[in-house]
C-alpha atoms as a PDB file:
ATOM      1  CA  MET A   1     106.356 128.912  86.856  1.00  0.00           C
ATOM      2  CA  ALA A   2     107.878 128.845  90.336  1.00  0.00           C
ATOM      3  CA  ASP A   3     104.660 130.291  91.801  1.00  0.00           C
ATOM      4  CA  ASP A   4     102.591 127.537  90.128  1.00  0.00           C
ATOM      5  CA  GLN A   5     104.839 124.871  91.629  1.00  0.00           C
ATOM      6  CA  HIS A   6     104.570 126.492  95.062  1.00  0.00           C
ATOM      7  CA  GLN A   7     100.788 126.564  94.805  1.00  0.00           C
ATOM      8  CA  ASP A   8     100.681 122.826  93.963  1.00  0.00           C
ATOM      9  CA  VAL A   9     102.770 122.048  97.033  1.00  0.00           C
ATOM     10  CA  ALA A  10     100.556 124.269  99.215  1.00  0.00           C
ATOM     11  CA  SER A  11      97.338 122.424  98.327  1.00  0.00           C
ATOM     12  CA  ILE A  12      97.061 119.285 100.401  1.00  0.00           C
ATOM     13  CA  CYS A  13      94.395 116.627 100.320  1.00  0.00           C
ATOM     14  CA  SER A  14      93.639 115.978 104.005  1.00  0.00           C
ATOM     15  CA  ARG A  15      92.587 112.357 103.372  1.00  0.00           C
ATOM     16  CA  THR A  16      95.800 111.603 101.451  1.00  0.00           C
ATOM     17  CA  LEU A  17      97.858 113.180 104.222  1.00  0.00           C
ATOM     18  CA  GLU A  18      96.019 111.045 106.801  1.00  0.00           C
ATOM     19  CA  GLN A  19      96.670 107.888 104.759  1.00  0.00           C
ATOM     20  CA  LEU A  20     100.349 108.721 104.357  1.00  0.00           C
ATOM     21  CA  TYR A  21     100.649 109.442 108.076  1.00  0.00           C
ATOM     22  CA  ILE A  22      98.912 106.157 109.008  1.00  0.00           C
ATOM     23  CA  ASN A  23     101.124 104.176 106.618  1.00  0.00           C
ATOM     24  CA  PHE A  24     104.248 105.866 107.992  1.00  0.00           C
ATOM     25  CA  GLN A  25     103.309 105.283 111.618  1.00  0.00           C
ATOM     26  CA  ILE A  26     102.420 101.618 111.083  1.00  0.00           C
ATOM     27  CA  SER A  27     105.235 100.649 108.724  1.00  0.00           C
ATOM     28  CA  CYS A  28     107.861 102.349 110.923  1.00  0.00           C
ATOM     29  CA  ASN A  29     106.312 100.934 114.113  1.00  0.00           C
ATOM     30  CA  GLN A  30     106.019 104.362 115.717  1.00  0.00           C
ATOM     31  CA  PRO A  31     104.175 105.042 118.980  1.00  0.00           C
ATOM     32  CA  PHE A  32     100.895 106.962 118.941  1.00  0.00           C
ATOM     33  CA  SER A  33     102.666 109.730 120.875  1.00  0.00           C
ATOM     34  CA  LEU A  34     104.739 110.520 117.749  1.00  0.00           C
ATOM     35  CA  ILE A  35     101.968 112.875 116.671  1.00  0.00           C
ATOM     36  CA  GLN A  36     102.838 115.182 119.592  1.00  0.00           C
ATOM     37  CA  ALA A  37     106.618 115.038 119.187  1.00  0.00           C
ATOM     38  CA  THR A  38     107.959 118.537 118.694  1.00  0.00           C
ATOM     39  CA  SER A  39     110.585 117.393 116.194  1.00  0.00           C
ATOM     40  CA  PHE A  40     107.963 115.552 114.098  1.00  0.00           C
ATOM     41  CA  ARG A  41     105.618 118.556 114.096  1.00  0.00           C
ATOM     42  CA  SER A  42     108.540 120.864 113.198  1.00  0.00           C
ATOM     43  CA  LEU A  43     109.401 118.662 110.229  1.00  0.00           C
ATOM     44  CA  ILE A  44     105.799 118.718 109.015  1.00  0.00           C
ATOM     45  CA  ARG A  45     105.556 122.524 109.445  1.00  0.00           C
ATOM     46  CA  TYR A  46     108.832 122.961 107.549  1.00  0.00           C
ATOM     47  CA  ILE A  47     107.581 120.878 104.628  1.00  0.00           C
ATOM     48  CA  ASN A  48     104.217 122.613 104.599  1.00  0.00           C
ATOM     49  CA  PRO A  49     102.738 124.702 107.420  1.00  0.00           C
ATOM     50  CA  ASP A  50      99.202 123.835 106.279  1.00  0.00           C
ATOM     51  CA  ALA A  51      99.880 120.124 106.772  1.00  0.00           C
ATOM     52  CA  ASP A  52     100.452 120.622 110.481  1.00  0.00           C
ATOM     53  CA  ASP A  53      96.861 121.822 110.893  1.00  0.00           C
ATOM     54  CA  LEU A  54      95.499 118.770 109.051  1.00  0.00           C
ATOM     55  CA  LEU A  55      97.197 116.106 111.169  1.00  0.00           C
ATOM     56  CA  PRO A  56      95.648 114.915 114.429  1.00  0.00           C
ATOM     57  CA  GLU A  57      96.953 116.576 117.570  1.00  0.00           C
ATOM     58  CA  SER A  58      96.574 113.820 120.163  1.00  0.00           C
ATOM     59  CA  PRO A  59      97.720 110.204 120.417  1.00  0.00           C
ATOM     60  CA  SER A  60      94.130 109.076 120.991  1.00  0.00           C
ATOM     61  CA  THR A  61      93.025 110.708 117.725  1.00  0.00           C
ATOM     62  CA  ALA A  62      95.990 109.141 115.902  1.00  0.00           C
ATOM     63  CA  LYS A  63      95.040 105.749 117.345  1.00  0.00           C
ATOM     64  CA  ALA A  64      91.404 106.243 116.295  1.00  0.00           C
ATOM     65  CA  LEU A  65      92.510 107.016 112.713  1.00  0.00           C
ATOM     66  CA  ILE A  66      94.583 103.837 112.608  1.00  0.00           C
ATOM     67  CA  MET A  67      91.795 101.723 114.090  1.00  0.00           C
ATOM     68  CA  ASP A  68      89.294 103.157 111.588  1.00  0.00           C
ATOM     69  CA  GLN A  69      91.649 102.284 108.733  1.00  0.00           C
ATOM     70  CA  PHE A  70      92.103  98.803 110.181  1.00  0.00           C
ATOM     71  CA  ALA A  71      88.313  98.295 110.202  1.00  0.00           C
ATOM     72  CA  ILE A  72      88.088  99.389 106.557  1.00  0.00           C
ATOM     73  CA  GLU A  73      90.906  97.050 105.482  1.00  0.00           C
ATOM     74  CA  LYS A  74      89.463  94.160 107.500  1.00  0.00           C
ATOM     75  CA  THR A  75      86.087  94.556 105.775  1.00  0.00           C
ATOM     76  CA  VAL A  76      87.799  94.364 102.378  1.00  0.00           C
ATOM     77  CA  ILE A  77      89.626  91.177 103.419  1.00  0.00           C
ATOM     78  CA  GLN A  78      86.410  89.664 104.798  1.00  0.00           C
ATOM     79  CA  GLN A  79      84.679  90.248 101.479  1.00  0.00           C
ATOM     80  CA  GLN A  80      87.589  88.808  99.521  1.00  0.00           C
ATOM     81  CA  VAL A  81      87.922  85.616 101.557  1.00  0.00           C
ATOM     82  CA  GLN A  82      84.182  85.072 101.635  1.00  0.00           C
ATOM     83  CA  GLY A  83      84.143  85.373  97.831  1.00  0.00           C
ATOM     84  CA  SER A  84      87.155  83.153  97.299  1.00  0.00           C
ATOM     85  CA  GLN A  85      87.033  80.345  94.751  1.00  0.00           C
ATOM     86  CA  SER A  86      88.642  77.787  97.022  1.00  0.00           C
ATOM     87  CA  CYS A  87      88.789  76.667 100.602  1.00  0.00           C
ATOM     88  CA  ILE A  88      90.582  78.922 103.034  1.00  0.00           C
ATOM     89  CA  HIS A  89      93.736  77.207 104.248  1.00  0.00           C
ATOM     90  CA  LEU A  90      95.365  78.475 107.437  1.00  0.00           C
ATOM     91  CA  SER A  91      98.880  78.811 108.777  1.00  0.00           C
ATOM     92  CA  LEU A  92      99.018  79.181 112.557  1.00  0.00           C
ATOM     93  CA  ASP A  93     101.896  80.027 114.843  1.00  0.00           C
ATOM     94  CA  SER A  94     102.254  81.339 118.345  1.00  0.00           C
ATOM     95  CA  TRP A  95     105.182  83.156 119.897  1.00  0.00           C
ATOM     96  CA  THR A  96     106.038  85.702 122.545  1.00  0.00           C
ATOM     97  CA  SER A  97     106.563  89.277 121.360  1.00  0.00           C
ATOM     98  CA  ARG A  98     109.422  91.518 122.454  1.00  0.00           C
ATOM     99  CA  ASN A  99     107.144  93.121 125.017  1.00  0.00           C
ATOM    100  CA  HIS A 100     106.368  89.652 126.436  1.00  0.00           C
ATOM    101  CA  LEU A 101     102.857  89.252 125.024  1.00  0.00           C
ATOM    102  CA  PRO A 102     101.939  85.755 123.864  1.00  0.00           C
ATOM    103  CA  ILE A 103     100.572  86.119 120.307  1.00  0.00           C
ATOM    104  CA  LEU A 104      98.741  83.735 117.968  1.00  0.00           C
ATOM    105  CA  GLY A 105      99.119  84.612 114.295  1.00  0.00           C
ATOM    106  CA  VAL A 106      96.636  83.321 111.722  1.00  0.00           C
ATOM    107  CA  ILE A 107      97.270  83.622 107.973  1.00  0.00           C
ATOM    108  CA  GLY A 108      94.621  82.684 105.406  1.00  0.00           C
ATOM    109  CA  HIS A 109      95.624  81.264 102.014  1.00  0.00           C
ATOM    110  CA  THR A 110      93.137  81.059  99.153  1.00  0.00           C
ATOM    111  CA  LEU A 111      92.387  81.822  95.502  1.00  0.00           C
ATOM    112  CA  VAL A 112      90.759  85.125  94.608  1.00  0.00           C
ATOM    113  CA  GLY A 113      90.161  85.866  90.966  1.00  0.00           C
ATOM    114  CA  GLY A 114      92.302  82.856  90.044  1.00  0.00           C
ATOM    115  CA  GLN A 115      95.280  84.275  91.931  1.00  0.00           C
ATOM    116  CA  ARG A 116      96.848  82.922  95.114  1.00  0.00           C
ATOM    117  CA  GLN A 117      96.283  85.319  97.984  1.00  0.00           C
ATOM    118  CA  GLU A 118      97.526  85.414 101.550  1.00  0.00           C
ATOM    119  CA  TYR A 119      95.878  87.474 104.257  1.00  0.00           C
ATOM    120  CA  VAL A 120      96.894  88.179 107.822  1.00  0.00           C
ATOM    121  CA  LEU A 121      93.563  87.333 109.418  1.00  0.00           C
ATOM    122  CA  ALA A 122      94.567  87.983 113.005  1.00  0.00           C
ATOM    123  CA  LEU A 123      97.300  88.523 115.525  1.00  0.00           C
ATOM    124  CA  ARG A 124      95.645  87.781 118.845  1.00  0.00           C
ATOM    125  CA  GLU A 125      96.998  87.965 122.330  1.00  0.00           C
ATOM    126  CA  ILE A 126      96.725  84.599 124.049  1.00  0.00           C
ATOM    127  CA  GLN A 127      95.173  84.758 127.492  1.00  0.00           C
ATOM    128  CA  GLY A 128      96.336  81.993 129.789  1.00  0.00           C
ATOM    129  CA  ARG A 129      98.332  78.931 128.840  1.00  0.00           C
ATOM    130  CA  HIS A 130      99.178  77.950 125.247  1.00  0.00           C
ATOM    131  CA  THR A 131      97.134  74.745 125.390  1.00  0.00           C
ATOM    132  CA  GLY A 132      95.208  73.520 122.384  1.00  0.00           C
ATOM    133  CA  GLU A 133      91.974  73.844 124.353  1.00  0.00           C
ATOM    134  CA  ASN A 134      92.805  77.494 124.987  1.00  0.00           C
ATOM    135  CA  LEU A 135      93.882  78.243 121.403  1.00  0.00           C
ATOM    136  CA  ALA A 136      90.939  76.548 119.632  1.00  0.00           C
ATOM    137  CA  PRO A 137      88.309  79.120 120.683  1.00  0.00           C
ATOM    138  CA  ILE A 138      90.596  81.893 119.431  1.00  0.00           C
ATOM    139  CA  VAL A 139      90.922  80.242 116.008  1.00  0.00           C
ATOM    140  CA  LEU A 140      87.195  79.470 115.889  1.00  0.00           C
ATOM    141  CA  ASP A 141      86.385  83.083 116.768  1.00  0.00           C
ATOM    142  CA  ILE A 142      88.619  84.286 113.918  1.00  0.00           C
ATOM    143  CA  LEU A 143      86.926  81.919 111.450  1.00  0.00           C
ATOM    144  CA  GLN A 144      83.506  83.122 112.585  1.00  0.00           C
ATOM    145  CA  ASP A 145      84.595  86.766 112.506  1.00  0.00           C
ATOM    146  CA  TYR A 146      85.562  86.405 108.838  1.00  0.00           C
ATOM    147  CA  GLY A 147      82.518  84.242 108.027  1.00  0.00           C
ATOM    148  CA  ILE A 148      84.669  81.433 106.621  1.00  0.00           C
ATOM    149  CA  THR A 149      84.058  78.514 108.996  1.00  0.00           C
ATOM    150  CA  HIS A 150      82.298  76.592 106.214  1.00  0.00           C
ATOM    151  CA  LYS A 151      85.233  77.206 103.822  1.00  0.00           C
ATOM    152  CA  LEU A 152      87.996  75.891 106.052  1.00  0.00           C
ATOM    153  CA  GLY A 153      90.586  73.787 104.249  1.00  0.00           C
ATOM    154  CA  TYR A 154      93.925  72.602 105.587  1.00  0.00           C
ATOM    155  CA  ILE A 155      95.662  73.988 108.648  1.00  0.00           C
ATOM    156  CA  GLN A 156      99.450  74.155 108.763  1.00  0.00           C
ATOM    157  CA  MET A 157     101.223  74.354 112.132  1.00  0.00           C
ATOM    158  CA  ASP A 158     104.487  73.272 113.677  1.00  0.00           C
ATOM    159  CA  ASN A 159     104.742  69.953 115.510  1.00  0.00           C
ATOM    160  CA  ALA A 160     104.239  71.295 119.052  1.00  0.00           C
ATOM    161  CA  THR A 161     102.109  68.896 121.074  1.00  0.00           C
ATOM    162  CA  ASN A 162      99.538  71.570 121.902  1.00  0.00           C
ATOM    163  CA  ASN A 163      98.648  71.657 118.191  1.00  0.00           C
ATOM    164  CA  ASP A 164      97.317  68.085 118.392  1.00  0.00           C
ATOM    165  CA  THR A 165      94.898  69.122 121.135  1.00  0.00           C
ATOM    166  CA  LEU A 166      94.166  72.349 119.225  1.00  0.00           C
ATOM    167  CA  MET A 167      93.026  70.330 116.197  1.00  0.00           C
ATOM    168  CA  ALA A 168      90.871  68.024 118.322  1.00  0.00           C
ATOM    169  CA  ALA A 169      89.225  70.945 120.113  1.00  0.00           C
ATOM    170  CA  LEU A 170      88.860  72.952 116.896  1.00  0.00           C
ATOM    171  CA  SER A 171      87.237  70.104 114.964  1.00  0.00           C
ATOM    172  CA  SER A 172      84.826  69.548 117.845  1.00  0.00           C
ATOM    173  CA  GLY A 173      83.958  73.262 117.884  1.00  0.00           C
ATOM    174  CA  ILE A 174      83.465  73.393 114.120  1.00  0.00           C
ATOM    175  CA  CYS A 175      81.216  70.306 114.237  1.00  0.00           C
ATOM    176  CA  ARG A 176      79.062  71.934 116.913  1.00  0.00           C
ATOM    177  CA  LEU A 177      78.956  75.169 114.932  1.00  0.00           C
ATOM    178  CA  MET A 178      77.983  73.439 111.685  1.00  0.00           C
ATOM    179  CA  CYS A 179      75.170  71.586 113.433  1.00  0.00           C
ATOM    180  CA  ILE A 180      73.752  74.918 114.574  1.00  0.00           C
ATOM    181  CA  TYR A 181      73.581  76.203 110.980  1.00  0.00           C
ATOM    182  CA  VAL A 182      72.147  73.018 109.484  1.00  0.00           C
END
C-alpha cells in the first residue's frame, strides 16, 4: 500500500504543476526571480524531485507562463462580457501604487447567465497627468479591447474634478466611434 501511495505522489501532471505555480506566484505577489531561488527549488525537490524538472528555470520563462495564462483568462472574460444579458457598467478609480506608478483600475459589472458578475477589465499605468482628457483614451481603449463599447451602461467614479472632463472626453470619443460603425 505504501508503494502505491508513493507512486501516486511521484506522478505529476506538468500542466497542473504549472497552474499551481502560476497561482502561487500571483496570489503571493512573488517576483519572477523566485523560480531561481535556491530555497524555493530545494523545497520543490524535497517534495518531489521530478517536479523540479517540470518547472521553468528562468524568470523570463516564468513571466511568459503567467502572461500566457493572462491571455487565456482575458479571452474568457471578453467572451463573457460580450455575451452578457445587460449593459456593462464600470467602476473606475486611479491611484498611485507602492512603487510610485499611477494606475487606472477598471471593473466591469454585468449579468451573465442571470447572475451578477464583476470583472477586473484592466489595471493600466497612466502616462502623463491624471486629466480627464488623458484618462478617456485609456478607458475607450479598454472598452474597444473587450468589444463592449456598444454595451456601455453607467460609470461610477469618485467626485474628483478630472472625472467630469473624463466623462466629457469619453462621451465624445464614444460618439465618434459609434458613427464609424454606423
